Amino acid sequence: MKAHEMMEMSAEELRIRLRDLKTDLFKATYELRTRQAEDISKRKVIKKDIARIMTVLNARHEQIFVPGETMTRGTVEKGDKADKKEGKKKEKEKEKEKKSKREKEKRIKE
C-alpha cells in the first residue's frame, strides 16, 4: 500500500489496517521460524507498511499532516530525532547524578 493511499484513509481505517498487519507479521514470523514460509520477503513488506501507517497516524496526531496537503519526510523526522536527543540527554544527566551520589556516599563511609 502506498503512503498517499494511507493519507486518504480515516484514522479508524488505519488502526484496523494496522491491527491486521500486526497479525500478518506475527503469522509471517511464525512461518519463517518454522520454515514453512514460501516468500521470505513478506515480513519486510509488512514491516514497511506498518511503519508507513504509524508515520501517518503520528503525523496526524501531531497535526503535522493535514489531509489534502503533501507530507514531507523531513517534517516528521525532525520531531522524532529531537525527542530522542532530549531523552538521551536526560538519561545522561540522571546517570551523572547517580554517580555523584555514589561518590559522596563512599566519601562519607571513609
PDB file of N, CA and C in Angstrom:
ATOM      1  N   MET A   1       0.844  -1.171   0.000  1.00  0.00           N
ATOM      2  CA  MET A   1       0.000   0.000   0.000  1.00  0.00           C
ATOM      3  C   MET A   1       0.894   1.241   0.000  1.00  0.00           C
ATOM      4  N   LYS A   2       0.534   2.198  -0.799  1.00  0.00           N
ATOM      5  CA  LYS A   2       1.309   3.430  -0.932  1.00  0.00           C
ATOM      6  C   LYS A   2       0.938   4.425   0.160  1.00  0.00           C
ATOM      7  N   ALA A   3       1.889   5.307   0.489  1.00  0.00           N
ATOM      8  CA  ALA A   3       1.673   6.281   1.555  1.00  0.00           C
ATOM      9  C   ALA A   3       0.537   7.237   1.231  1.00  0.00           C
ATOM     10  N   HIS A   4       0.432   7.650  -0.041  1.00  0.00           N
ATOM     11  CA  HIS A   4      -0.637   8.593  -0.388  1.00  0.00           C
ATOM     12  C   HIS A   4      -2.012   7.958  -0.243  1.00  0.00           C
ATOM     13  N   GLU A   5      -2.102   6.638  -0.430  1.00  0.00           N
ATOM     14  CA  GLU A   5      -3.368   5.937  -0.212  1.00  0.00           C
ATOM     15  C   GLU A   5      -3.718   5.932   1.273  1.00  0.00           C
ATOM     16  N   MET A   6      -2.694   5.765   2.108  1.00  0.00           N
ATOM     17  CA  MET A   6      -2.919   5.751   3.553  1.00  0.00           C
ATOM     18  C   MET A   6      -3.347   7.113   4.068  1.00  0.00           C
ATOM     19  N   MET A   7      -2.825   8.168   3.466  1.00  0.00           N
ATOM     20  CA  MET A   7      -3.170   9.514   3.904  1.00  0.00           C
ATOM     21  C   MET A   7      -4.641   9.838   3.663  1.00  0.00           C
ATOM     22  N   GLU A   8      -5.225   9.165   2.677  1.00  0.00           N
ATOM     23  CA  GLU A   8      -6.630   9.400   2.359  1.00  0.00           C
ATOM     24  C   GLU A   8      -7.567   8.602   3.257  1.00  0.00           C
ATOM     25  N   MET A   9      -7.043   7.612   3.946  1.00  0.00           N
ATOM     26  CA  MET A   9      -7.871   6.771   4.820  1.00  0.00           C
ATOM     27  C   MET A   9      -8.138   7.485   6.141  1.00  0.00           C
ATOM     28  N   SER A  10      -9.243   7.115   6.776  1.00  0.00           N
ATOM     29  CA  SER A  10      -9.552   7.693   8.087  1.00  0.00           C
ATOM     30  C   SER A  10      -8.677   7.039   9.150  1.00  0.00           C
ATOM     31  N   ALA A  11      -8.618   7.655  10.310  1.00  0.00           N
ATOM     32  CA  ALA A  11      -7.790   7.131  11.401  1.00  0.00           C
ATOM     33  C   ALA A  11      -8.282   5.754  11.830  1.00  0.00           C
ATOM     34  N   GLU A  12      -9.574   5.571  11.876  1.00  0.00           N
ATOM     35  CA  GLU A  12     -10.132   4.272  12.286  1.00  0.00           C
ATOM     36  C   GLU A  12      -9.763   3.186  11.283  1.00  0.00           C
ATOM     37  N   GLU A  13      -9.847   3.503   9.986  1.00  0.00           N
ATOM     38  CA  GLU A  13      -9.461   2.540   8.955  1.00  0.00           C
ATOM     39  C   GLU A  13      -7.980   2.183   9.078  1.00  0.00           C
ATOM     40  N   LEU A  14      -7.165   3.180   9.373  1.00  0.00           N
ATOM     41  CA  LEU A  14      -5.729   2.932   9.532  1.00  0.00           C
ATOM     42  C   LEU A  14      -5.454   2.041  10.739  1.00  0.00           C
ATOM     43  N   ARG A  15      -6.162   2.272  11.832  1.00  0.00           N
ATOM     44  CA  ARG A  15      -5.963   1.439  13.029  1.00  0.00           C
ATOM     45  C   ARG A  15      -6.370  -0.011  12.767  1.00  0.00           C
ATOM     46  N   ILE A  16      -7.462  -0.198  12.029  1.00  0.00           N
ATOM     47  CA  ILE A  16      -7.895  -1.556  11.685  1.00  0.00           C
ATOM     48  C   ILE A  16      -6.856  -2.217  10.791  1.00  0.00           C
ATOM     49  N   ARG A  17      -6.380  -1.476   9.812  1.00  0.00           N
ATOM     50  CA  ARG A  17      -5.347  -1.999   8.904  1.00  0.00           C
ATOM     51  C   ARG A  17      -4.066  -2.326   9.677  1.00  0.00           C
ATOM     52  N   LEU A  18      -3.723  -1.479  10.631  1.00  0.00           N
ATOM     53  CA  LEU A  18      -2.534  -1.699  11.453  1.00  0.00           C
ATOM     54  C   LEU A  18      -2.664  -2.987  12.258  1.00  0.00           C
ATOM     55  N   ARG A  19      -3.826  -3.189  12.849  1.00  0.00           N
ATOM     56  CA  ARG A  19      -4.062  -4.406  13.629  1.00  0.00           C
ATOM     57  C   ARG A  19      -3.936  -5.644  12.743  1.00  0.00           C
ATOM     58  N   ASP A  20      -4.511  -5.575  11.540  1.00  0.00           N
ATOM     59  CA  ASP A  20      -4.427  -6.699  10.606  1.00  0.00           C
ATOM     60  C   ASP A  20      -2.984  -6.967  10.181  1.00  0.00           C
ATOM     61  N   LEU A  21      -2.235  -5.901   9.942  1.00  0.00           N
ATOM     62  CA  LEU A  21      -0.838  -6.070   9.534  1.00  0.00           C
ATOM     63  C   LEU A  21       0.006  -6.667  10.654  1.00  0.00           C
ATOM     64  N   LYS A  22      -0.269  -6.283  11.893  1.00  0.00           N
ATOM     65  CA  LYS A  22       0.484  -6.859  13.012  1.00  0.00           C
ATOM     66  C   LYS A  22       0.193  -8.349  13.141  1.00  0.00           C
ATOM     67  N   THR A  23      -1.050  -8.737  12.893  1.00  0.00           N
ATOM     68  CA  THR A  23      -1.403 -10.160  12.908  1.00  0.00           C
ATOM     69  C   THR A  23      -0.677 -10.881  11.772  1.00  0.00           C
ATOM     70  N   ASP A  24      -0.669 -10.273  10.598  1.00  0.00           N
ATOM     71  CA  ASP A  24       0.035 -10.861   9.457  1.00  0.00           C
ATOM     72  C   ASP A  24       1.531 -10.989   9.732  1.00  0.00           C
ATOM     73  N   LEU A  25       2.087  -9.988  10.389  1.00  0.00           N
ATOM     74  CA  LEU A  25       3.513 -10.029  10.725  1.00  0.00           C
ATOM     75  C   LEU A  25       3.810 -11.189  11.666  1.00  0.00           C
ATOM     76  N   PHE A  26       2.954 -11.373  12.653  1.00  0.00           N
ATOM     77  CA  PHE A  26       3.138 -12.489  13.582  1.00  0.00           C
ATOM     78  C   PHE A  26       3.097 -13.821  12.832  1.00  0.00           C
ATOM     79  N   LYS A  27       2.118 -13.971  11.941  1.00  0.00           N
ATOM     80  CA  LYS A  27       1.984 -15.211  11.177  1.00  0.00           C
ATOM     81  C   LYS A  27       3.188 -15.429  10.258  1.00  0.00           C
ATOM     82  N   ALA A  28       3.637 -14.350   9.610  1.00  0.00           N
ATOM     83  CA  ALA A  28       4.785 -14.468   8.710  1.00  0.00           C
ATOM     84  C   ALA A  28       6.049 -14.838   9.477  1.00  0.00           C
ATOM     85  N   THR A  29       6.210 -14.276  10.665  1.00  0.00           N
ATOM     86  CA  THR A  29       7.364 -14.603  11.502  1.00  0.00           C
ATOM     87  C   THR A  29       7.311 -16.067  11.923  1.00  0.00           C
ATOM     88  N   TYR A  30       6.138 -16.507  12.318  1.00  0.00           N
ATOM     89  CA  TYR A  30       5.963 -17.904  12.729  1.00  0.00           C
ATOM     90  C   TYR A  30       6.300 -18.841  11.569  1.00  0.00           C
ATOM     91  N   GLU A  31       5.781 -18.528  10.379  1.00  0.00           N
ATOM     92  CA  GLU A  31       6.056 -19.368   9.212  1.00  0.00           C
ATOM     93  C   GLU A  31       7.546 -19.387   8.884  1.00  0.00           C
ATOM     94  N   LEU A  32       8.176 -18.241   9.027  1.00  0.00           N
ATOM     95  CA  LEU A  32       9.604 -18.167   8.736  1.00  0.00           C
ATOM     96  C   LEU A  32      10.416 -18.993   9.726  1.00  0.00           C
ATOM     97  N   ARG A  33      10.058 -18.894  11.004  1.00  0.00           N
ATOM     98  CA  ARG A  33      10.790 -19.629  12.042  1.00  0.00           C
ATOM     99  C   ARG A  33      10.574 -21.137  11.950  1.00  0.00           C
ATOM    100  N   THR A  34       9.388 -21.539  11.506  1.00  0.00           N
ATOM    101  CA  THR A  34       9.108 -22.972  11.390  1.00  0.00           C
ATOM    102  C   THR A  34       9.424 -23.500   9.991  1.00  0.00           C
ATOM    103  N   ARG A  35      10.041 -22.655   9.193  1.00  0.00           N
ATOM    104  CA  ARG A  35      10.473 -22.999   7.830  1.00  0.00           C
ATOM    105  C   ARG A  35       9.323 -23.412   6.922  1.00  0.00           C
ATOM    106  N   GLN A  36       8.173 -22.778   7.115  1.00  0.00           N
ATOM    107  CA  GLN A  36       7.017 -23.033   6.261  1.00  0.00           C
ATOM    108  C   GLN A  36       6.822 -21.914   5.245  1.00  0.00           C
ATOM    109  N   ALA A  37       7.574 -20.838   5.371  1.00  0.00           N
ATOM    110  CA  ALA A  37       7.378 -19.658   4.530  1.00  0.00           C
ATOM    111  C   ALA A  37       7.863 -19.919   3.114  1.00  0.00           C
ATOM    112  N   GLU A  38       7.026 -19.537   2.151  1.00  0.00           N
ATOM    113  CA  GLU A  38       7.413 -19.642   0.752  1.00  0.00           C
ATOM    114  C   GLU A  38       8.057 -18.342   0.284  1.00  0.00           C
ATOM    115  N   ASP A  39       7.573 -17.210   0.801  1.00  0.00           N
ATOM    116  CA  ASP A  39       8.091 -15.901   0.416  1.00  0.00           C
ATOM    117  C   ASP A  39       8.725 -15.252   1.648  1.00  0.00           C
ATOM    118  N   ILE A  40      10.057 -15.263   1.700  1.00  0.00           N
ATOM    119  CA  ILE A  40      10.728 -14.761   2.899  1.00  0.00           C
ATOM    120  C   ILE A  40      10.772 -13.241   2.966  1.00  0.00           C
ATOM    121  N   SER A  41      10.465 -12.557   1.870  1.00  0.00           N
ATOM    122  CA  SER A  41      10.473 -11.095   1.878  1.00  0.00           C
ATOM    123  C   SER A  41       9.145 -10.513   2.372  1.00  0.00           C
ATOM    124  N   LYS A  42       8.191 -11.366   2.654  1.00  0.00           N
ATOM    125  CA  LYS A  42       6.859 -10.928   3.086  1.00  0.00           C
ATOM    126  C   LYS A  42       6.930 -10.115   4.381  1.00  0.00           C
ATOM    127  N   ARG A  43       7.766 -10.549   5.327  1.00  0.00           N
ATOM    128  CA  ARG A  43       7.912  -9.831   6.604  1.00  0.00           C
ATOM    129  C   ARG A  43       8.401  -8.409   6.385  1.00  0.00           C
ATOM    130  N   LYS A  44       9.356  -8.254   5.489  1.00  0.00           N
ATOM    131  CA  LYS A  44       9.929  -6.938   5.221  1.00  0.00           C
ATOM    132  C   LYS A  44       8.862  -5.980   4.679  1.00  0.00           C
ATOM    133  N   VAL A  45       8.040  -6.455   3.768  1.00  0.00           N
ATOM    134  CA  VAL A  45       6.982  -5.637   3.184  1.00  0.00           C
ATOM    135  C   VAL A  45       5.953  -5.255   4.249  1.00  0.00           C
ATOM    136  N   ILE A  46       5.589  -6.214   5.095  1.00  0.00           N
ATOM    137  CA  ILE A  46       4.606  -5.954   6.145  1.00  0.00           C
ATOM    138  C   ILE A  46       5.154  -4.926   7.134  1.00  0.00           C
ATOM    139  N   LYS A  47       6.409  -5.072   7.526  1.00  0.00           N
ATOM    140  CA  LYS A  47       7.005  -4.134   8.480  1.00  0.00           C
ATOM    141  C   LYS A  47       7.045  -2.714   7.907  1.00  0.00           C
ATOM    142  N   LYS A  48       7.317  -2.590   6.621  1.00  0.00           N
ATOM    143  CA  LYS A  48       7.343  -1.271   5.997  1.00  0.00           C
ATOM    144  C   LYS A  48       5.946  -0.660   5.951  1.00  0.00           C
ATOM    145  N   ASP A  49       4.931  -1.479   5.682  1.00  0.00           N
ATOM    146  CA  ASP A  49       3.557  -0.975   5.693  1.00  0.00           C
ATOM    147  C   ASP A  49       3.160  -0.514   7.096  1.00  0.00           C
ATOM    148  N   ILE A  50       3.565  -1.267   8.111  1.00  0.00           N
ATOM    149  CA  ILE A  50       3.274  -0.874   9.493  1.00  0.00           C
ATOM    150  C   ILE A  50       3.942   0.472   9.785  1.00  0.00           C
ATOM    151  N   ALA A  51       5.178   0.631   9.361  1.00  0.00           N
ATOM    152  CA  ALA A  51       5.895   1.883   9.591  1.00  0.00           C
ATOM    153  C   ALA A  51       5.207   3.048   8.885  1.00  0.00           C
ATOM    154  N   ARG A  52       4.728   2.813   7.673  1.00  0.00           N
ATOM    155  CA  ARG A  52       4.030   3.875   6.939  1.00  0.00           C
ATOM    156  C   ARG A  52       2.757   4.305   7.668  1.00  0.00           C
ATOM    157  N   ILE A  53       1.992   3.325   8.131  1.00  0.00           N
ATOM    158  CA  ILE A  53       0.750   3.638   8.846  1.00  0.00           C
ATOM    159  C   ILE A  53       1.056   4.397  10.125  1.00  0.00           C
ATOM    160  N   MET A  54       2.060   3.940  10.864  1.00  0.00           N
ATOM    161  CA  MET A  54       2.420   4.625  12.112  1.00  0.00           C
ATOM    162  C   MET A  54       2.867   6.063  11.839  1.00  0.00           C
ATOM    163  N   THR A  55       3.588   6.270  10.745  1.00  0.00           N
ATOM    164  CA  THR A  55       4.034   7.615  10.387  1.00  0.00           C
ATOM    165  C   THR A  55       2.843   8.523  10.104  1.00  0.00           C
ATOM    166  N   VAL A  56       1.885   8.017   9.344  1.00  0.00           N
ATOM    167  CA  VAL A  56       0.701   8.820   9.017  1.00  0.00           C
ATOM    168  C   VAL A  56      -0.103   9.111  10.280  1.00  0.00           C
ATOM    169  N   LEU A  57      -0.294   8.100  11.136  1.00  0.00           N
ATOM    170  CA  LEU A  57      -1.054   8.307  12.369  1.00  0.00           C
ATOM    171  C   LEU A  57      -0.351   9.300  13.295  1.00  0.00           C
ATOM    172  N   ASN A  58       0.964   9.167  13.437  1.00  0.00           N
ATOM    173  CA  ASN A  58       1.706  10.096  14.289  1.00  0.00           C
ATOM    174  C   ASN A  58       1.686  11.511  13.721  1.00  0.00           C
ATOM    175  N   ALA A  59       1.798  11.624  12.415  1.00  0.00           N
ATOM    176  CA  ALA A  59       1.770  12.944  11.797  1.00  0.00           C
ATOM    177  C   ALA A  59       0.419  13.614  12.010  1.00  0.00           C
ATOM    178  N   ARG A  60      -0.640  12.849  11.920  1.00  0.00           N
ATOM    179  CA  ARG A  60      -1.972  13.412  12.169  1.00  0.00           C
ATOM    180  C   ARG A  60      -2.125  13.795  13.629  1.00  0.00           C
ATOM    181  N   HIS A  61      -1.619  12.956  14.505  1.00  0.00           N
ATOM    182  CA  HIS A  61      -1.722  13.229  15.937  1.00  0.00           C
ATOM    183  C   HIS A  61      -0.982  14.512  16.299  1.00  0.00           C
ATOM    184  N   GLU A  62       0.164  14.720  15.704  1.00  0.00           N
ATOM    185  CA  GLU A  62       0.967  15.906  15.976  1.00  0.00           C
ATOM    186  C   GLU A  62       0.528  17.075  15.094  1.00  0.00           C
ATOM    187  N   GLN A  63      -0.475  16.854  14.255  1.00  0.00           N
ATOM    188  CA  GLN A  63      -1.028  17.851  13.344  1.00  0.00           C
ATOM    189  C   GLN A  63       0.018  18.406  12.395  1.00  0.00           C
ATOM    190  N   ILE A  64       0.946  17.547  12.006  1.00  0.00           N
ATOM    191  CA  ILE A  64       1.927  17.929  11.001  1.00  0.00           C
ATOM    192  C   ILE A  64       1.283  17.790   9.630  1.00  0.00           C
ATOM    193  N   PHE A  65       0.501  16.729   9.472  1.00  0.00           N
ATOM    194  CA  PHE A  65      -0.119  16.436   8.190  1.00  0.00           C
ATOM    195  C   PHE A  65      -1.586  16.805   8.235  1.00  0.00           C
ATOM    196  N   VAL A  66      -2.006  17.541   7.233  1.00  0.00           N
ATOM    197  CA  VAL A  66      -3.414  17.869   7.079  1.00  0.00           C
ATOM    198  C   VAL A  66      -3.870  17.213   5.791  1.00  0.00           C
ATOM    199  N   PRO A  67      -4.958  16.416   5.827  1.00  0.00           N
ATOM    200  CA  PRO A  67      -5.413  15.768   4.594  1.00  0.00           C
ATOM    201  C   PRO A  67      -5.552  16.789   3.462  1.00  0.00           C
ATOM    202  N   GLY A  68      -5.059  16.428   2.304  1.00  0.00           N
ATOM    203  CA  GLY A  68      -5.090  17.325   1.163  1.00  0.00           C
ATOM    204  C   GLY A  68      -3.735  17.975   0.912  1.00  0.00           C
ATOM    205  N   GLU A  69      -2.847  17.967   1.904  1.00  0.00           N
ATOM    206  CA  GLU A  69      -1.507  18.509   1.738  1.00  0.00           C
ATOM    207  C   GLU A  69      -0.530  17.350   1.593  1.00  0.00           C
ATOM    208  N   THR A  70       0.640  17.647   1.090  1.00  0.00           N
ATOM    209  CA  THR A  70       1.659  16.607   0.990  1.00  0.00           C
ATOM    210  C   THR A  70       2.467  16.586   2.274  1.00  0.00           C
ATOM    211  N   MET A  71       2.901  15.419   2.650  1.00  0.00           N
ATOM    212  CA  MET A  71       3.684  15.272   3.873  1.00  0.00           C
ATOM    213  C   MET A  71       5.135  15.063   3.477  1.00  0.00           C
ATOM    214  N   THR A  72       6.010  15.924   3.940  1.00  0.00           N
ATOM    215  CA  THR A  72       7.421  15.776   3.625  1.00  0.00           C
ATOM    216  C   THR A  72       8.087  14.909   4.665  1.00  0.00           C
ATOM    217  N   ARG A  73       9.073  14.195   4.247  1.00  0.00           N
ATOM    218  CA  ARG A  73       9.758  13.268   5.131  1.00  0.00           C
ATOM    219  C   ARG A  73      10.480  13.994   6.267  1.00  0.00           C
ATOM    220  N   GLY A  74      11.125  15.096   5.976  1.00  0.00           N
ATOM    221  CA  GLY A  74      11.907  15.816   6.960  1.00  0.00           C
ATOM    222  C   GLY A  74      11.070  16.359   8.102  1.00  0.00           C
ATOM    223  N   THR A  75       9.848  16.751   7.837  1.00  0.00           N
ATOM    224  CA  THR A  75       8.996  17.334   8.865  1.00  0.00           C
ATOM    225  C   THR A  75       8.773  16.357  10.007  1.00  0.00           C
ATOM    226  N   VAL A  76       8.477  15.125   9.666  1.00  0.00           N
ATOM    227  CA  VAL A  76       8.204  14.128  10.693  1.00  0.00           C
ATOM    228  C   VAL A  76       9.483  13.720  11.409  1.00  0.00           C
ATOM    229  N   GLU A  77      10.549  13.508  10.654  1.00  0.00           N
ATOM    230  CA  GLU A  77      11.782  13.019  11.257  1.00  0.00           C
ATOM    231  C   GLU A  77      12.422  14.018  12.208  1.00  0.00           C
ATOM    232  N   LYS A  78      12.314  15.307  11.920  1.00  0.00           N
ATOM    233  CA  LYS A  78      12.937  16.302  12.788  1.00  0.00           C
ATOM    234  C   LYS A  78      12.380  16.216  14.194  1.00  0.00           C
ATOM    235  N   GLY A  79      11.074  16.090  14.319  1.00  0.00           N
ATOM    236  CA  GLY A  79      10.463  15.997  15.641  1.00  0.00           C
ATOM    237  C   GLY A  79      10.893  14.742  16.372  1.00  0.00           C
ATOM    238  N   ASP A  80      10.932  13.622  15.664  1.00  0.00           N
ATOM    239  CA  ASP A  80      11.320  12.363  16.282  1.00  0.00           C
ATOM    240  C   ASP A  80      12.768  12.403  16.765  1.00  0.00           C
ATOM    241  N   LYS A  81      13.658  12.937  15.953  1.00  0.00           N
ATOM    242  CA  LYS A  81      15.068  12.988  16.322  1.00  0.00           C
ATOM    243  C   LYS A  81      15.288  13.905  17.513  1.00  0.00           C
ATOM    244  N   ALA A  82      14.576  15.022  17.535  1.00  0.00           N
ATOM    245  CA  ALA A  82      14.719  15.959  18.655  1.00  0.00           C
ATOM    246  C   ALA A  82      14.260  15.309  19.957  1.00  0.00           C
ATOM    247  N   ASP A  83      13.158  14.569  19.901  1.00  0.00           N
ATOM    248  CA  ASP A  83      12.659  13.884  21.092  1.00  0.00           C
ATOM    249  C   ASP A  83      13.661  12.853  21.596  1.00  0.00           C
ATOM    250  N   LYS A  84      14.281  12.118  20.684  1.00  0.00           N
ATOM    251  CA  LYS A  84      15.258  11.107  21.082  1.00  0.00           C
ATOM    252  C   LYS A  84      16.478  11.757  21.730  1.00  0.00           C
ATOM    253  N   LYS A  85      16.928  12.872  21.162  1.00  0.00           N
ATOM    254  CA  LYS A  85      18.093  13.557  21.720  1.00  0.00           C
ATOM    255  C   LYS A  85      17.807  14.059  23.126  1.00  0.00           C
ATOM    256  N   GLU A  86      16.612  14.620  23.329  1.00  0.00           N
ATOM    257  CA  GLU A  86      16.243  15.109  24.659  1.00  0.00           C
ATOM    258  C   GLU A  86      16.200  13.962  25.656  1.00  0.00           C
ATOM    259  N   GLY A  87      15.663  12.836  25.249  1.00  0.00           N
ATOM    260  CA  GLY A  87      15.601  11.675  26.128  1.00  0.00           C
ATOM    261  C   GLY A  87      16.983  11.183  26.516  1.00  0.00           C
ATOM    262  N   LYS A  88      17.898  11.164  25.562  1.00  0.00           N
ATOM    263  CA  LYS A  88      19.265  10.723  25.846  1.00  0.00           C
ATOM    264  C   LYS A  88      19.966  11.682  26.791  1.00  0.00           C
ATOM    265  N   LYS A  89      19.727  12.986  26.599  1.00  0.00           N
ATOM    266  CA  LYS A  89      20.338  13.969  27.492  1.00  0.00           C
ATOM    267  C   LYS A  89      19.857  13.782  28.919  1.00  0.00           C
ATOM    268  N   LYS A  90      18.573  13.555  29.084  1.00  0.00           N
ATOM    269  CA  LYS A  90      18.007  13.356  30.420  1.00  0.00           C
ATOM    270  C   LYS A  90      18.578  12.102  31.076  1.00  0.00           C
ATOM    271  N   GLU A  91      18.732  11.035  30.278  1.00  0.00           N
ATOM    272  CA  GLU A  91      19.305   9.802  30.815  1.00  0.00           C
ATOM    273  C   GLU A  91      20.745  10.027  31.284  1.00  0.00           C
ATOM    274  N   LYS A  92      21.527  10.753  30.498  1.00  0.00           N
ATOM    275  CA  LYS A  92      22.913  11.032  30.874  1.00  0.00           C
ATOM    276  C   LYS A  92      22.978  11.858  32.150  1.00  0.00           C
ATOM    277  N   GLU A  93      22.082  12.844  32.271  1.00  0.00           N
ATOM    278  CA  GLU A  93      22.053  13.662  33.479  1.00  0.00           C
ATOM    279  C   GLU A  93      21.720  12.816  34.707  1.00  0.00           C
ATOM    280  N   LYS A  94      20.772  11.908  34.573  1.00  0.00           N
ATOM    281  CA  LYS A  94      20.405  11.027  35.683  1.00  0.00           C
ATOM    282  C   LYS A  94      21.580  10.137  36.081  1.00  0.00           C
ATOM    283  N   GLU A  95      22.298   9.627  35.076  1.00  0.00           N
ATOM    284  CA  GLU A  95      23.456   8.782  35.368  1.00  0.00           C
ATOM    285  C   GLU A  95      24.533   9.564  36.108  1.00  0.00           C
ATOM    286  N   LYS A  96      24.748  10.804  35.704  1.00  0.00           N
ATOM    287  CA  LYS A  96      25.743  11.640  36.378  1.00  0.00           C
ATOM    288  C   LYS A  96      25.333  11.897  37.827  1.00  0.00           C
ATOM    289  N   GLU A  97      24.061  12.152  38.059  1.00  0.00           N
ATOM    290  CA  GLU A  97      23.573  12.384  39.416  1.00  0.00           C
ATOM    291  C   GLU A  97      23.772  11.144  40.289  1.00  0.00           C
ATOM    292  N   LYS A  98      23.444   9.977  39.746  1.00  0.00           N
ATOM    293  CA  LYS A  98      23.629   8.732  40.494  1.00  0.00           C
ATOM    294  C   LYS A  98      25.100   8.509  40.824  1.00  0.00           C
ATOM    295  N   LYS A  99      25.957   8.782  39.858  1.00  0.00           N
ATOM    296  CA  LYS A  99      27.389   8.588  40.066  1.00  0.00           C
ATOM    297  C   LYS A  99      27.911   9.521  41.154  1.00  0.00           C
ATOM    298  N   SER A 100      27.471  10.780  41.115  1.00  0.00           N
ATOM    299  CA  SER A 100      27.936  11.731  42.132  1.00  0.00           C
ATOM    300  C   SER A 100      27.417  11.343  43.517  1.00  0.00           C
ATOM    301  N   LYS A 101      26.200  10.819  43.603  1.00  0.00           N
ATOM    302  CA  LYS A 101      25.655  10.360  44.885  1.00  0.00           C
ATOM    303  C   LYS A 101      26.480   9.204  45.438  1.00  0.00           C
ATOM    304  N   ARG A 102      26.841   8.269  44.555  1.00  0.00           N
ATOM    305  CA  ARG A 102      27.648   7.131  44.983  1.00  0.00           C
ATOM    306  C   ARG A 102      29.008   7.590  45.519  1.00  0.00           C
ATOM    307  N   GLU A 103      29.604   8.538  44.815  1.00  0.00           N
ATOM    308  CA  GLU A 103      30.903   9.057  45.245  1.00  0.00           C
ATOM    309  C   GLU A 103      30.801   9.743  46.603  1.00  0.00           C
ATOM    310  N   LYS A 104      29.740  10.493  46.813  1.00  0.00           N
ATOM    311  CA  LYS A 104      29.530  11.152  48.100  1.00  0.00           C
ATOM    312  C   LYS A 104      29.357  10.124  49.214  1.00  0.00           C
ATOM    313  N   GLU A 105      28.595   9.077  48.931  1.00  0.00           N
ATOM    314  CA  GLU A 105      28.387   8.022  49.923  1.00  0.00           C
ATOM    315  C   GLU A 105      29.704   7.338  50.275  1.00  0.00           C
ATOM    316  N   LYS A 106      30.556   7.119  49.292  1.00  0.00           N
ATOM    317  CA  LYS A 106      31.856   6.496  49.540  1.00  0.00           C
ATOM    318  C   LYS A 106      32.714   7.380  50.432  1.00  0.00           C
ATOM    319  N   ARG A 107      32.683   8.684  50.156  1.00  0.00           N
ATOM    320  CA  ARG A 107      33.469   9.618  50.950  1.00  0.00           C
ATOM    321  C   ARG A 107      32.984   9.643  52.397  1.00  0.00           C
ATOM    322  N   ILE A 108      31.676   9.591  52.583  1.00  0.00           N
ATOM    323  CA  ILE A 108      31.105   9.617  53.923  1.00  0.00           C
ATOM    324  C   ILE A 108      31.502   8.351  54.690  1.00  0.00           C
ATOM    325  N   LYS A 109      31.483   7.203  54.033  1.00  0.00           N
ATOM    326  CA  LYS A 109      31.837   5.940  54.679  1.00  0.00           C
ATOM    327  C   LYS A 109      33.297   5.899  55.077  1.00  0.00           C
ATOM    328  N   GLU A 110      34.147   6.543  54.309  1.00  0.00           N
ATOM    329  CA  GLU A 110      35.583   6.520  54.583  1.00  0.00           C
ATOM    330  C   GLU A 110      35.847   7.492  55.684  1.00  0.00           C
TER     331      GLU A 110
END
